[in-house]
């Protein structure tokens, strides 16, 4: 159990009680609450996105194939002489 001291602890406990009451009163089948129980922020975000995508009905829309024109030749373009700071490729 996490221990808190002072007035902040009382406010935090009061917040948790009110949050639980809000969830009990407003969590319905038409508008459910979902909790993401992960402390790692990146995984939490990915799990949230995966959940949203799994809940939304999706059907593939047929689209015509895209035809791209031939690229223009570089012409007189010269790469700028600037010391760019590139992010290392790790993956």
Protein backbone atom coordinates (compact mmCIF):
# COMPACT_ATOMS: atom_id res chain seq x y z
CA UNK A 1 0.00 0.00 0.00
CA UNK A 2 1.23 3.48 -0.83
CA UNK A 3 1.51 5.77 2.18
CA UNK A 4 0.87 9.49 1.88
CA UNK A 5 1.21 12.12 4.57
CA UNK A 6 -0.60 15.32 5.38
CA UNK A 7 -3.57 17.04 3.80
CA UNK A 8 -2.59 15.77 0.36
CA UNK A 9 -3.24 12.20 1.49
CA UNK A 10 -6.77 13.06 2.60
CA UNK A 11 -7.51 14.81 -0.67
CA UNK A 12 -6.10 11.93 -2.68
CA UNK A 13 -8.15 9.35 -0.78
CA UNK A 14 -11.26 11.50 -1.21
CA UNK A 15 -10.53 11.70 -4.95
CA UNK A 16 -10.25 7.90 -5.21
CA UNK A 17 -13.56 7.43 -3.40
CA UNK A 18 -15.32 9.93 -5.66
CA UNK A 19 -13.71 8.43 -8.77
CA UNK A 20 -15.04 4.99 -7.80
CA UNK A 21 -18.52 6.39 -7.16
CA UNK A 22 -18.47 8.15 -10.55
CA UNK A 23 -17.44 4.95 -12.31
CA UNK A 24 -20.15 2.90 -10.57
CA UNK A 25 -22.87 5.39 -11.51
CA UNK A 26 -21.84 6.07 -15.10
CA UNK A 27 -20.43 2.73 -16.33
CA UNK A 28 -23.22 1.33 -18.51
CA UNK A 29 -23.45 -1.11 -21.41
CA UNK A 30 -24.17 1.83 -23.74
CA UNK A 31 -21.15 3.84 -22.56
CA UNK A 32 -18.71 1.58 -20.71
CA UNK A 33 -15.62 2.67 -18.84
CA UNK A 34 -12.38 0.89 -19.72
CA UNK A 35 -9.34 0.88 -17.45
CA UNK A 36 -5.84 0.35 -18.82
CA UNK A 37 -3.87 -1.26 -15.97
CA UNK A 38 -0.32 -0.68 -17.19
CA UNK A 39 2.31 1.63 -15.72
CA UNK A 40 4.50 1.74 -18.85
CA UNK A 41 3.31 4.77 -20.87
CA UNK A 42 4.18 3.44 -24.32
CA UNK A 43 2.44 0.12 -23.71
CA UNK A 44 -0.53 1.92 -22.21
CA UNK A 45 -0.94 4.02 -25.34
CA UNK A 46 -0.51 1.05 -27.68
CA UNK A 47 -3.00 -1.03 -25.66
CA UNK A 48 -5.49 1.83 -25.74
CA UNK A 49 -5.20 2.25 -29.52
CA UNK A 50 -5.44 -1.52 -30.08
CA UNK A 51 -8.56 -1.65 -27.91
CA UNK A 52 -10.24 1.22 -29.76
CA UNK A 53 -9.47 -0.36 -33.11
CA UNK A 54 -10.84 -3.72 -31.93
CA UNK A 55 -14.13 -2.15 -30.79
CA UNK A 56 -14.86 -0.09 -33.91
CA UNK A 57 -16.44 -2.14 -36.71
CA UNK A 58 -14.33 -2.03 -39.84
CA UNK A 59 -14.98 -3.23 -43.35
CA UNK A 60 -12.51 -2.94 -46.20
CA UNK A 61 -13.53 -0.36 -48.81
CA UNK A 62 -12.61 -1.32 -52.37
CA UNK A 63 -10.45 1.35 -53.95
CA UNK A 64 -8.93 1.60 -57.41
CA UNK A 65 -5.20 1.10 -57.72
CA UNK A 66 -3.19 4.29 -57.50
CA UNK A 67 -1.03 5.15 -60.49
CA UNK A 68 1.89 7.43 -59.73
CA UNK A 69 3.53 9.55 -62.41
CA UNK A 70 7.22 9.22 -63.15
CA UNK A 71 9.31 11.38 -60.79
CA UNK A 72 10.90 14.54 -62.16
CA UNK A 73 14.68 14.46 -62.71
CA UNK A 74 16.69 16.25 -59.99
CA UNK A 75 17.85 18.95 -62.42
CA UNK A 76 20.15 21.50 -60.79
CA UNK A 77 19.36 20.41 -57.22
CA UNK A 78 22.40 20.04 -54.97
CA UNK A 79 22.23 18.53 -51.49
CA UNK A 80 22.81 21.33 -48.93
CA UNK A 81 26.14 21.34 -47.15
CA UNK A 82 24.76 21.34 -43.61
CA UNK A 83 25.75 19.10 -40.66
CA UNK A 84 22.36 17.54 -40.00
CA UNK A 85 21.90 15.70 -36.72
CA UNK A 86 20.37 12.37 -37.67
CA UNK A 87 18.69 10.09 -35.16
CA UNK A 88 20.47 6.72 -35.09
CA UNK A 89 18.54 3.85 -36.65
CA UNK A 90 18.14 1.21 -33.95
CA UNK A 91 15.33 -0.94 -35.30
